[in-house]
Amino acid sequence: MNSSAMIQAVVENDMCIGCGACAAKSKNNAIKMRINDYGFYVADVKEDVFDDSIKVCPFNPNPDEQVRTENEIAALFLIEADNNNRKIGRYINTYAGHSVEHRLTSSSGGIATYTLSELMRRGEIQHVISVKTASSASTHYEYVISSSIEQVGQAAKTKYYPVTMAEVLRKIQHLDGKVAIVGVACFIKAIRLMQVQDPEIRDKVAFLIGIICGGVKSTFFAEYLASKTGVSASEFSQPEFRIKEHSSSASDYSYGCLDAKNEKHTVKMRSVGDMWGT
């Protein structure tokens, strides 16, 4: 199969989400991930790819029948989920709650951090793949592998910044033990497609933690908010997108970042208008 043309079509039609599954699947680094002019990660096909890289793309225009939609994918993986809802699909049960331990240090209720920590404490997983502060200041955030409960806690809070899984997905098969992966819906779909294609990945990835997507933001989102704090877009570092006001409501939060002197600047999100819908 010539995946090159199909992957390129996904990119050119603005459907690439930048998950990096195709890059991880491709051989000889034939596909790399890059930030485009609009501040999003997209697949960059360096040479003709004659493999099944397109099959792990969540927006593959010609999927196999067994994974044609999320309904078919759910039938393969969520076999214990007896309930079904037209809008949310298969499920075992629904719950509302928060983690007493993690709520104050999380963006919302701390349920993801609690769940991952508990899975690790019980020995059901040995590693978590999630988003943390990047080793490169210019990248800000990246997917990394955590192998302790302490490291999992350091990844708390939502990051509204483009990331790709390409590099960490290449490392999964070299990890000892089971893995949990955190991601937005289309990233999770890419992992499911990888599991269908690769039995080793299917066995290695024991849990997926899906985050409700509030709209994928470009690099310019962080830059714009940094400028609103008075810090130049070329100088800010360590952006924080959900700084809580503990004595106020959940919607009353701030954005913050460091300037070139490592001094922190913040701005109330309510002062910058509808930054979610636009």
C-alpha atoms as a PDB file:
ATOM      1  CA  MET A   1       0.000   0.000   0.000  1.00  0.00           C
ATOM      2  CA  ASN A   2       1.255   3.482  -0.867  1.00  0.00           C
ATOM      3  CA  SER A   3       0.386   5.379   2.283  1.00  0.00           C
ATOM      4  CA  SER A   4       2.152   8.559   1.164  1.00  0.00           C
ATOM      5  CA  ALA A   5      -0.610   9.961  -1.033  1.00  0.00           C
ATOM      6  CA  MET A   6      -3.352   9.182   1.476  1.00  0.00           C
ATOM      7  CA  ILE A   7      -1.478  10.707   4.410  1.00  0.00           C
ATOM      8  CA  GLN A   8      -0.699  13.749   2.299  1.00  0.00           C
ATOM      9  CA  ALA A   9      -4.394  14.024   1.423  1.00  0.00           C
ATOM     10  CA  VAL A  10      -5.295  13.992   5.133  1.00  0.00           C
ATOM     11  CA  VAL A  11      -2.792  16.816   5.750  1.00  0.00           C
ATOM     12  CA  GLU A  12      -3.821  18.889   2.729  1.00  0.00           C
ATOM     13  CA  ASN A  13      -7.482  18.629   3.667  1.00  0.00           C
ATOM     14  CA  ASP A  14      -6.734  19.960   7.157  1.00  0.00           C
ATOM     15  CA  MET A  15      -7.690  16.709   8.868  1.00  0.00           C
ATOM     16  CA  CYS A  16      -4.305  15.799  10.387  1.00  0.00           C
ATOM     17  CA  ILE A  17      -4.440  16.122  14.179  1.00  0.00           C
ATOM     18  CA  GLY A  18      -0.689  15.653  14.649  1.00  0.00           C
ATOM     19  CA  CYS A  19      -0.982  12.531  16.809  1.00  0.00           C
ATOM     20  CA  GLY A  20       2.146  11.023  15.218  1.00  0.00           C
ATOM     21  CA  ALA A  21       0.848   7.461  14.919  1.00  0.00           C
ATOM     22  CA  CYS A  22       1.720   7.294  11.218  1.00  0.00           C
ATOM     23  CA  ALA A  23       5.245   8.586  11.924  1.00  0.00           C
ATOM     24  CA  ALA A  24       5.747   5.967  14.642  1.00  0.00           C
ATOM     25  CA  LYS A  25       4.469   3.265  12.305  1.00  0.00           C
ATOM     26  CA  SER A  26       6.521   4.295   9.267  1.00  0.00           C
ATOM     27  CA  LYS A  27       9.920   2.764   8.623  1.00  0.00           C
ATOM     28  CA  ASN A  28      13.234   4.636   8.294  1.00  0.00           C
ATOM     29  CA  ASN A  29      11.706   7.901   9.560  1.00  0.00           C
ATOM     30  CA  ALA A  30       9.933   8.340   6.233  1.00  0.00           C
ATOM     31  CA  ILE A  31       7.283  10.409   8.045  1.00  0.00           C
ATOM     32  CA  LYS A  32       8.187  13.118  10.522  1.00  0.00           C
ATOM     33  CA  MET A  33       6.035  15.498  12.521  1.00  0.00           C
ATOM     34  CA  ARG A  34       6.457  19.251  12.122  1.00  0.00           C
ATOM     35  CA  ILE A  35       4.746  22.435  13.283  1.00  0.00           C
ATOM     36  CA  ASN A  36       3.063  24.079  10.303  1.00  0.00           C
ATOM     37  CA  ASP A  37       2.517  27.784   9.609  1.00  0.00           C
ATOM     38  CA  TYR A  38      -0.673  27.731  11.660  1.00  0.00           C
ATOM     39  CA  GLY A  39       1.008  26.407  14.805  1.00  0.00           C
ATOM     40  CA  PHE A  40      -0.190  22.790  14.628  1.00  0.00           C
ATOM     41  CA  TYR A  41       1.672  19.489  14.346  1.00  0.00           C
ATOM     42  CA  VAL A  42       1.146  17.748  10.999  1.00  0.00           C
ATOM     43  CA  ALA A  43       2.657  14.737   9.275  1.00  0.00           C
ATOM     44  CA  ASP A  44       5.476  15.547   6.857  1.00  0.00           C
ATOM     45  CA  VAL A  45       6.005  12.748   4.330  1.00  0.00           C
ATOM     46  CA  LYS A  46       9.709  12.749   3.439  1.00  0.00           C
ATOM     47  CA  GLU A  47       9.589   9.912   0.914  1.00  0.00           C
ATOM     48  CA  ASP A  48       7.179   7.376  -0.563  1.00  0.00           C
ATOM     49  CA  VAL A  49       5.806   5.118   2.131  1.00  0.00           C
ATOM     50  CA  PHE A  50       4.804   1.650   0.984  1.00  0.00           C
ATOM     51  CA  ASP A  51       3.407   0.199   4.196  1.00  0.00           C
ATOM     52  CA  ASP A  52       0.205   0.416   6.249  1.00  0.00           C
ATOM     53  CA  SER A  53       1.014   3.680   8.067  1.00  0.00           C
ATOM     54  CA  ILE A  54      -2.276   5.180   6.906  1.00  0.00           C
ATOM     55  CA  LYS A  55      -4.184   2.457   8.776  1.00  0.00           C
ATOM     56  CA  VAL A  56      -3.326   3.988  12.155  1.00  0.00           C
ATOM     57  CA  CYS A  57      -4.492   7.472  11.128  1.00  0.00           C
ATOM     58  CA  PRO A  58      -7.701   8.441  12.996  1.00  0.00           C
ATOM     59  CA  PHE A  59      -8.827  10.308   9.863  1.00  0.00           C
ATOM     60  CA  ASN A  60      -7.956   7.634   7.320  1.00  0.00           C
ATOM     61  CA  PRO A  61     -10.395   8.278   4.429  1.00  0.00           C
ATOM     62  CA  ASN A  62     -10.569   4.582   3.532  1.00  0.00           C
ATOM     63  CA  PRO A  63     -10.556   2.532   6.765  1.00  0.00           C
ATOM     64  CA  ASP A  64     -10.923  -1.235   6.943  1.00  0.00           C
ATOM     65  CA  GLU A  65     -14.478  -2.407   7.578  1.00  0.00           C
ATOM     66  CA  GLN A  66     -13.700  -3.732  11.077  1.00  0.00           C
ATOM     67  CA  VAL A  67     -12.660  -0.224  12.201  1.00  0.00           C
ATOM     68  CA  ARG A  68     -14.904   1.801   9.900  1.00  0.00           C
ATOM     69  CA  THR A  69     -16.245   3.983  12.735  1.00  0.00           C
ATOM     70  CA  GLU A  70     -15.772   4.280  16.479  1.00  0.00           C
ATOM     71  CA  ASN A  71     -18.735   1.912  16.919  1.00  0.00           C
ATOM     72  CA  GLU A  72     -16.814  -0.921  15.268  1.00  0.00           C
ATOM     73  CA  ILE A  73     -13.680  -0.089  17.260  1.00  0.00           C
ATOM     74  CA  ALA A  74     -15.687  -0.134  20.504  1.00  0.00           C
ATOM     75  CA  ALA A  75     -17.058  -3.553  19.607  1.00  0.00           C
ATOM     76  CA  LEU A  76     -13.477  -4.851  19.420  1.00  0.00           C
ATOM     77  CA  PHE A  77     -12.248  -3.393  22.708  1.00  0.00           C
ATOM     78  CA  LEU A  78     -15.144  -2.552  25.033  1.00  0.00           C
ATOM     79  CA  ILE A  79     -16.595  -6.031  25.164  1.00  0.00           C
ATOM     80  CA  GLU A  80     -17.512  -5.748  28.860  1.00  0.00           C
ATOM     81  CA  ALA A  81     -19.498  -2.551  28.292  1.00  0.00           C
ATOM     82  CA  ASP A  82     -23.105  -3.733  28.196  1.00  0.00           C
ATOM     83  CA  ASN A  83     -24.705  -0.274  28.087  1.00  0.00           C
ATOM     84  CA  ASN A  84     -24.971   1.736  24.893  1.00  0.00           C
ATOM     85  CA  ASN A  85     -25.995   5.303  24.222  1.00  0.00           C
ATOM     86  CA  ARG A  86     -26.497   6.853  20.806  1.00  0.00           C
ATOM     87  CA  LYS A  87     -24.380   9.882  21.701  1.00  0.00           C
ATOM     88  CA  ILE A  88     -21.595   8.409  23.849  1.00  0.00           C
ATOM     89  CA  GLY A  89     -21.454   4.820  22.612  1.00  0.00           C
ATOM     90  CA  ARG A  90     -20.625   1.808  24.795  1.00  0.00           C
ATOM     91  CA  TYR A  91     -20.087   2.240  28.527  1.00  0.00           C
ATOM     92  CA  ILE A  92     -20.140   0.277  31.769  1.00  0.00           C
ATOM     93  CA  ASN A  93     -21.293   3.115  34.013  1.00  0.00           C
ATOM     94  CA  THR A  94     -20.989   6.870  34.484  1.00  0.00           C
ATOM     95  CA  TYR A  95     -19.786   8.673  37.586  1.00  0.00           C
ATOM     96  CA  ALA A  96     -19.212  12.194  38.895  1.00  0.00           C
ATOM     97  CA  GLY A  97     -16.556  12.974  41.459  1.00  0.00           C
ATOM     98  CA  HIS A  98     -13.202  14.435  42.367  1.00  0.00           C
ATOM     99  CA  SER A  99      -9.986  13.382  44.054  1.00  0.00           C
ATOM    100  CA  VAL A 100      -9.455  14.921  47.478  1.00  0.00           C
ATOM    101  CA  GLU A 101      -5.705  14.382  47.141  1.00  0.00           C
ATOM    102  CA  HIS A 102      -5.271  15.762  43.622  1.00  0.00           C
ATOM    103  CA  ARG A 103      -8.011  18.350  43.127  1.00  0.00           C
ATOM    104  CA  LEU A 104      -6.059  21.442  44.161  1.00  0.00           C
ATOM    105  CA  THR A 105      -3.077  20.564  41.956  1.00  0.00           C
ATOM    106  CA  SER A 106      -5.145  19.596  38.905  1.00  0.00           C
ATOM    107  CA  SER A 107      -7.046  21.523  36.272  1.00  0.00           C
ATOM    108  CA  SER A 108     -10.383  20.067  37.289  1.00  0.00           C
ATOM    109  CA  GLY A 109     -11.225  17.308  39.749  1.00  0.00           C
ATOM    110  CA  GLY A 110      -7.957  15.376  39.550  1.00  0.00           C
ATOM    111  CA  ILE A 111      -9.701  12.170  38.469  1.00  0.00           C
ATOM    112  CA  ALA A 112      -7.154  11.316  35.752  1.00  0.00           C
ATOM    113  CA  THR A 113      -4.193  11.705  38.124  1.00  0.00           C
ATOM    114  CA  TYR A 114      -5.992   9.702  40.814  1.00  0.00           C
ATOM    115  CA  THR A 115      -6.921   6.897  38.395  1.00  0.00           C
ATOM    116  CA  LEU A 116      -3.416   6.596  36.977  1.00  0.00           C
ATOM    117  CA  SER A 117      -1.797   6.707  40.430  1.00  0.00           C
ATOM    118  CA  GLU A 118      -4.179   4.028  41.694  1.00  0.00           C
ATOM    119  CA  LEU A 119      -3.539   1.778  38.685  1.00  0.00           C
ATOM    120  CA  MET A 120       0.190   2.106  39.295  1.00  0.00           C
ATOM    121  CA  ARG A 121      -0.193   1.554  43.050  1.00  0.00           C
ATOM    122  CA  ARG A 122      -2.121  -1.666  42.362  1.00  0.00           C
ATOM    123  CA  GLY A 123       0.537  -2.863  39.950  1.00  0.00           C
ATOM    124  CA  GLU A 124      -1.827  -2.963  36.965  1.00  0.00           C
ATOM    125  CA  ILE A 125       0.460  -0.613  35.028  1.00  0.00           C
ATOM    126  CA  GLN A 126       4.159   0.217  35.302  1.00  0.00           C
ATOM    127  CA  HIS A 127       4.298   3.266  33.021  1.00  0.00           C
ATOM    128  CA  VAL A 128       2.126   6.233  32.044  1.00  0.00           C
ATOM    129  CA  ILE A 129       2.457   8.149  28.780  1.00  0.00           C
ATOM    130  CA  SER A 130       1.155  11.695  29.192  1.00  0.00           C
ATOM    131  CA  VAL A 131       2.063  15.333  28.609  1.00  0.00           C
ATOM    132  CA  LYS A 132       4.655  17.150  30.738  1.00  0.00           C
ATOM    133  CA  THR A 133       6.941  20.167  30.541  1.00  0.00           C
ATOM    134  CA  ALA A 134       9.336  19.626  27.643  1.00  0.00           C
ATOM    135  CA  SER A 135      13.097  19.326  27.930  1.00  0.00           C
ATOM    136  CA  SER A 136      13.358  22.051  25.268  1.00  0.00           C
ATOM    137  CA  ALA A 137      12.140  25.488  26.339  1.00  0.00           C
ATOM    138  CA  SER A 138      10.954  26.314  22.814  1.00  0.00           C
ATOM    139  CA  THR A 139       8.645  23.274  22.698  1.00  0.00           C
ATOM    140  CA  HIS A 140       7.090  23.926  26.142  1.00  0.00           C
ATOM    141  CA  TYR A 141       5.262  20.574  26.363  1.00  0.00           C
ATOM    142  CA  GLU A 142       5.744  17.032  25.081  1.00  0.00           C
ATOM    143  CA  TYR A 143       4.601  13.471  25.633  1.00  0.00           C
ATOM    144  CA  VAL A 144       6.853  11.667  28.120  1.00  0.00           C
ATOM    145  CA  ILE A 145       6.962   8.334  29.944  1.00  0.00           C
ATOM    146  CA  SER A 146       6.401   8.322  33.731  1.00  0.00           C
ATOM    147  CA  SER A 147       7.398   5.238  35.673  1.00  0.00           C
ATOM    148  CA  SER A 148       6.522   6.246  39.248  1.00  0.00           C
ATOM    149  CA  ILE A 149       3.509   7.701  41.067  1.00  0.00           C
ATOM    150  CA  GLU A 150       5.526  10.835  41.818  1.00  0.00           C
ATOM    151  CA  GLN A 151       6.240  11.340  38.128  1.00  0.00           C
ATOM    152  CA  VAL A 152       2.558  10.821  37.302  1.00  0.00           C
ATOM    153  CA  GLY A 153       1.645  13.603  39.741  1.00  0.00           C
ATOM    154  CA  GLN A 154       4.078  15.965  38.005  1.00  0.00           C
ATOM    155  CA  ALA A 155       2.036  15.608  34.805  1.00  0.00           C
ATOM    156  CA  ALA A 156      -1.198  16.880  36.372  1.00  0.00           C
ATOM    157  CA  LYS A 157      -3.150  19.738  34.762  1.00  0.00           C
ATOM    158  CA  THR A 158      -4.324  20.172  31.209  1.00  0.00           C
ATOM    159  CA  LYS A 159      -1.947  21.699  28.668  1.00  0.00           C
ATOM    160  CA  TYR A 160      -3.573  23.584  25.811  1.00  0.00           C
ATOM    161  CA  TYR A 161      -0.575  23.315  23.547  1.00  0.00           C
ATOM    162  CA  PRO A 162       0.110  21.133  20.480  1.00  0.00           C
ATOM    163  CA  VAL A 163       1.927  17.865  21.175  1.00  0.00           C
ATOM    164  CA  THR A 164       2.615  14.691  19.238  1.00  0.00           C
ATOM    165  CA  MET A 165       2.978  11.080  20.373  1.00  0.00           C
ATOM    166  CA  ALA A 166       5.396  10.091  17.583  1.00  0.00           C
ATOM    167  CA  GLU A 167       8.528   9.701  19.716  1.00  0.00           C
ATOM    168  CA  VAL A 168       6.986   7.968  22.739  1.00  0.00           C
ATOM    169  CA  LEU A 169       5.031   5.542  20.564  1.00  0.00           C
ATOM    170  CA  ARG A 170       8.322   4.278  19.154  1.00  0.00           C
ATOM    171  CA  LYS A 171       9.464   3.447  22.694  1.00  0.00           C
ATOM    172  CA  ILE A 172       6.443   1.470  23.923  1.00  0.00           C
ATOM    173  CA  GLN A 173       7.689  -1.933  22.813  1.00  0.00           C
ATOM    174  CA  HIS A 174      10.954  -1.421  24.714  1.00  0.00           C
ATOM    175  CA  LEU A 175       9.236  -0.825  28.064  1.00  0.00           C
ATOM    176  CA  ASP A 176       8.942  -3.565  30.650  1.00  0.00           C
ATOM    177  CA  GLY A 177       5.408  -3.973  31.942  1.00  0.00           C
ATOM    178  CA  LYS A 178       2.026  -2.487  31.092  1.00  0.00           C
ATOM    179  CA  VAL A 179       1.337   1.046  29.906  1.00  0.00           C
ATOM    180  CA  ALA A 180      -1.492   3.568  30.245  1.00  0.00           C
ATOM    181  CA  ILE A 181      -1.802   6.442  27.763  1.00  0.00           C
ATOM    182  CA  VAL A 182      -3.595   9.766  28.248  1.00  0.00           C
ATOM    183  CA  GLY A 183      -4.941  11.680  25.265  1.00  0.00           C
ATOM    184  CA  VAL A 184      -7.757  13.541  23.560  1.00  0.00           C
ATOM    185  CA  ALA A 185     -10.296  11.497  21.628  1.00  0.00           C
ATOM    186  CA  CYS A 186      -8.599  11.410  18.210  1.00  0.00           C
ATOM    187  CA  PHE A 187      -5.259  10.467  19.807  1.00  0.00           C
ATOM    188  CA  ILE A 188      -6.991   7.636  21.661  1.00  0.00           C
ATOM    189  CA  LYS A 189      -8.530   6.443  18.400  1.00  0.00           C
ATOM    190  CA  ALA A 190      -5.052   6.349  16.832  1.00  0.00           C
ATOM    191  CA  ILE A 191      -3.827   4.134  19.705  1.00  0.00           C
ATOM    192  CA  ARG A 192      -6.781   1.793  19.217  1.00  0.00           C
ATOM    193  CA  LEU A 193      -5.951   1.522  15.520  1.00  0.00           C
ATOM    194  CA  MET A 194      -2.336   0.748  16.397  1.00  0.00           C
ATOM    195  CA  GLN A 195      -3.559  -1.989  18.732  1.00  0.00           C
ATOM    196  CA  VAL A 196      -5.614  -3.502  15.912  1.00  0.00           C
ATOM    197  CA  GLN A 197      -2.559  -3.512  13.652  1.00  0.00           C
ATOM    198  CA  ASP A 198      -0.019  -4.711  16.221  1.00  0.00           C
ATOM    199  CA  PRO A 199      -0.832  -7.462  18.769  1.00  0.00           C
ATOM    200  CA  GLU A 200       2.218  -6.502  20.840  1.00  0.00           C
ATOM    201  CA  ILE A 201       0.931  -2.939  21.235  1.00  0.00           C
ATOM    202  CA  ARG A 202      -2.520  -4.295  22.019  1.00  0.00           C
ATOM    203  CA  ASP A 203      -1.095  -6.336  24.872  1.00  0.00           C
ATOM    204  CA  LYS A 204       1.313  -3.666  26.114  1.00  0.00           C
ATOM    205  CA  VAL A 205      -1.231  -0.818  26.374  1.00  0.00           C
ATOM    206  CA  ALA A 206      -3.494  -1.881  29.238  1.00  0.00           C
ATOM    207  CA  PHE A 207      -5.472   1.340  29.780  1.00  0.00           C
ATOM    208  CA  LEU A 208      -6.405   4.445  27.815  1.00  0.00           C
ATOM    209  CA  ILE A 209      -7.473   7.606  29.639  1.00  0.00           C
ATOM    210  CA  GLY A 210      -9.519   9.779  27.291  1.00  0.00           C
ATOM    211  CA  ILE A 211      -9.817  13.505  27.942  1.00  0.00           C
ATOM    212  CA  ILE A 212     -12.823  15.456  26.697  1.00  0.00           C
ATOM    213  CA  CYS A 213     -11.462  17.784  24.029  1.00  0.00           C
ATOM    214  CA  GLY A 214     -12.099  21.500  24.422  1.00  0.00           C
ATOM    215  CA  GLY A 215     -10.739  22.306  20.989  1.00  0.00           C
ATOM    216  CA  VAL A 216      -7.121  21.716  20.009  1.00  0.00           C
ATOM    217  CA  LYS A 217      -5.122  24.920  20.361  1.00  0.00           C
ATOM    218  CA  SER A 218      -2.203  26.099  18.231  1.00  0.00           C
ATOM    219  CA  THR A 219       1.117  27.420  19.504  1.00  0.00           C
ATOM    220  CA  PHE A 220      -0.289  30.919  18.966  1.00  0.00           C
ATOM    221  CA  PHE A 221      -2.815  30.429  21.776  1.00  0.00           C
ATOM    222  CA  ALA A 222      -0.029  30.348  24.376  1.00  0.00           C
ATOM    223  CA  GLU A 223       1.855  33.150  22.631  1.00  0.00           C
ATOM    224  CA  TYR A 224      -1.197  35.406  22.559  1.00  0.00           C
ATOM    225  CA  LEU A 225      -1.939  34.829  26.235  1.00  0.00           C
ATOM    226  CA  ALA A 226       1.715  35.422  27.114  1.00  0.00           C
ATOM    227  CA  SER A 227       1.533  38.789  25.358  1.00  0.00           C
ATOM    228  CA  LYS A 228      -1.564  39.614  27.423  1.00  0.00           C
ATOM    229  CA  THR A 229       0.502  39.127  30.576  1.00  0.00           C
ATOM    230  CA  GLY A 230       3.083  41.558  29.202  1.00  0.00           C
ATOM    231  CA  VAL A 231       5.646  38.941  28.189  1.00  0.00           C
ATOM    232  CA  SER A 232       6.975  38.808  24.625  1.00  0.00           C
ATOM    233  CA  ALA A 233       5.879  35.798  22.580  1.00  0.00           C
ATOM    234  CA  SER A 234       9.544  35.083  21.858  1.00  0.00           C
ATOM    235  CA  GLU A 235      10.608  35.121  25.524  1.00  0.00           C
ATOM    236  CA  PHE A 236       7.936  33.345  27.567  1.00  0.00           C
ATOM    237  CA  SER A 237       8.400  29.899  29.115  1.00  0.00           C
ATOM    238  CA  GLN A 238       6.508  27.405  31.286  1.00  0.00           C
ATOM    239  CA  PRO A 239       2.986  28.431  30.267  1.00  0.00           C
ATOM    240  CA  GLU A 240       0.217  27.434  32.716  1.00  0.00           C
ATOM    241  CA  PHE A 241      -3.298  27.366  31.348  1.00  0.00           C
ATOM    242  CA  ARG A 242      -5.495  26.647  34.349  1.00  0.00           C
ATOM    243  CA  ILE A 243      -4.221  28.496  37.432  1.00  0.00           C
ATOM    244  CA  LYS A 244      -7.020  28.097  39.969  1.00  0.00           C
ATOM    245  CA  GLU A 245      -8.481  30.740  42.219  1.00  0.00           C
ATOM    246  CA  HIS A 246      -9.270  28.464  45.148  1.00  0.00           C
ATOM    247  CA  SER A 247     -11.651  30.915  46.810  1.00  0.00           C
ATOM    248  CA  SER A 248     -13.638  31.522  43.614  1.00  0.00           C
ATOM    249  CA  SER A 249     -15.577  29.524  40.993  1.00  0.00           C
ATOM    250  CA  ALA A 250     -14.170  26.877  38.644  1.00  0.00           C
ATOM    251  CA  SER A 251     -14.428  29.223  35.653  1.00  0.00           C
ATOM    252  CA  ASP A 252     -12.436  31.977  37.381  1.00  0.00           C
ATOM    253  CA  TYR A 253      -8.918  30.950  36.484  1.00  0.00           C
ATOM    254  CA  SER A 254      -5.775  32.533  35.072  1.00  0.00           C
ATOM    255  CA  TYR A 255      -3.078  31.921  32.493  1.00  0.00           C
ATOM    256  CA  GLY A 256       0.513  32.375  33.630  1.00  0.00           C
ATOM    257  CA  CYS A 257       4.057  32.147  32.270  1.00  0.00           C
ATOM    258  CA  LEU A 258       7.626  33.128  33.068  1.00  0.00           C
ATOM    259  CA  ASP A 259       9.517  35.953  31.397  1.00  0.00           C
ATOM    260  CA  ALA A 260      13.192  36.000  30.398  1.00  0.00           C
ATOM    261  CA  LYS A 261      14.143  36.722  34.040  1.00  0.00           C
ATOM    262  CA  ASN A 262      12.058  33.764  35.290  1.00  0.00           C
ATOM    263  CA  GLU A 263       9.538  36.131  36.861  1.00  0.00           C
ATOM    264  CA  LYS A 264       5.921  34.961  36.744  1.00  0.00           C
ATOM    265  CA  HIS A 265       3.181  36.949  35.027  1.00  0.00           C
ATOM    266  CA  THR A 266      -0.532  36.108  34.963  1.00  0.00           C
ATOM    267  CA  VAL A 267      -3.754  37.281  33.364  1.00  0.00           C
ATOM    268  CA  LYS A 268      -7.349  36.388  34.236  1.00  0.00           C
ATOM    269  CA  MET A 269      -8.861  34.417  31.375  1.00  0.00           C
ATOM    270  CA  ARG A 270     -12.176  36.228  31.728  1.00  0.00           C
ATOM    271  CA  SER A 271     -10.395  39.431  30.686  1.00  0.00           C
ATOM    272  CA  VAL A 272      -9.371  38.165  27.247  1.00  0.00           C
ATOM    273  CA  GLY A 273     -12.813  37.238  25.892  1.00  0.00           C
ATOM    274  CA  ASP A 274     -14.066  34.001  24.374  1.00  0.00           C
ATOM    275  CA  MET A 275     -10.766  32.247  23.782  1.00  0.00           C
ATOM    276  CA  TRP A 276     -12.405  28.791  23.595  1.00  0.00           C
ATOM    277  CA  GLY A 277     -15.028  29.304  20.920  1.00  0.00           C
ATOM    278  CA  THR A 278     -12.750  31.368  18.691  1.00  0.00           C
END
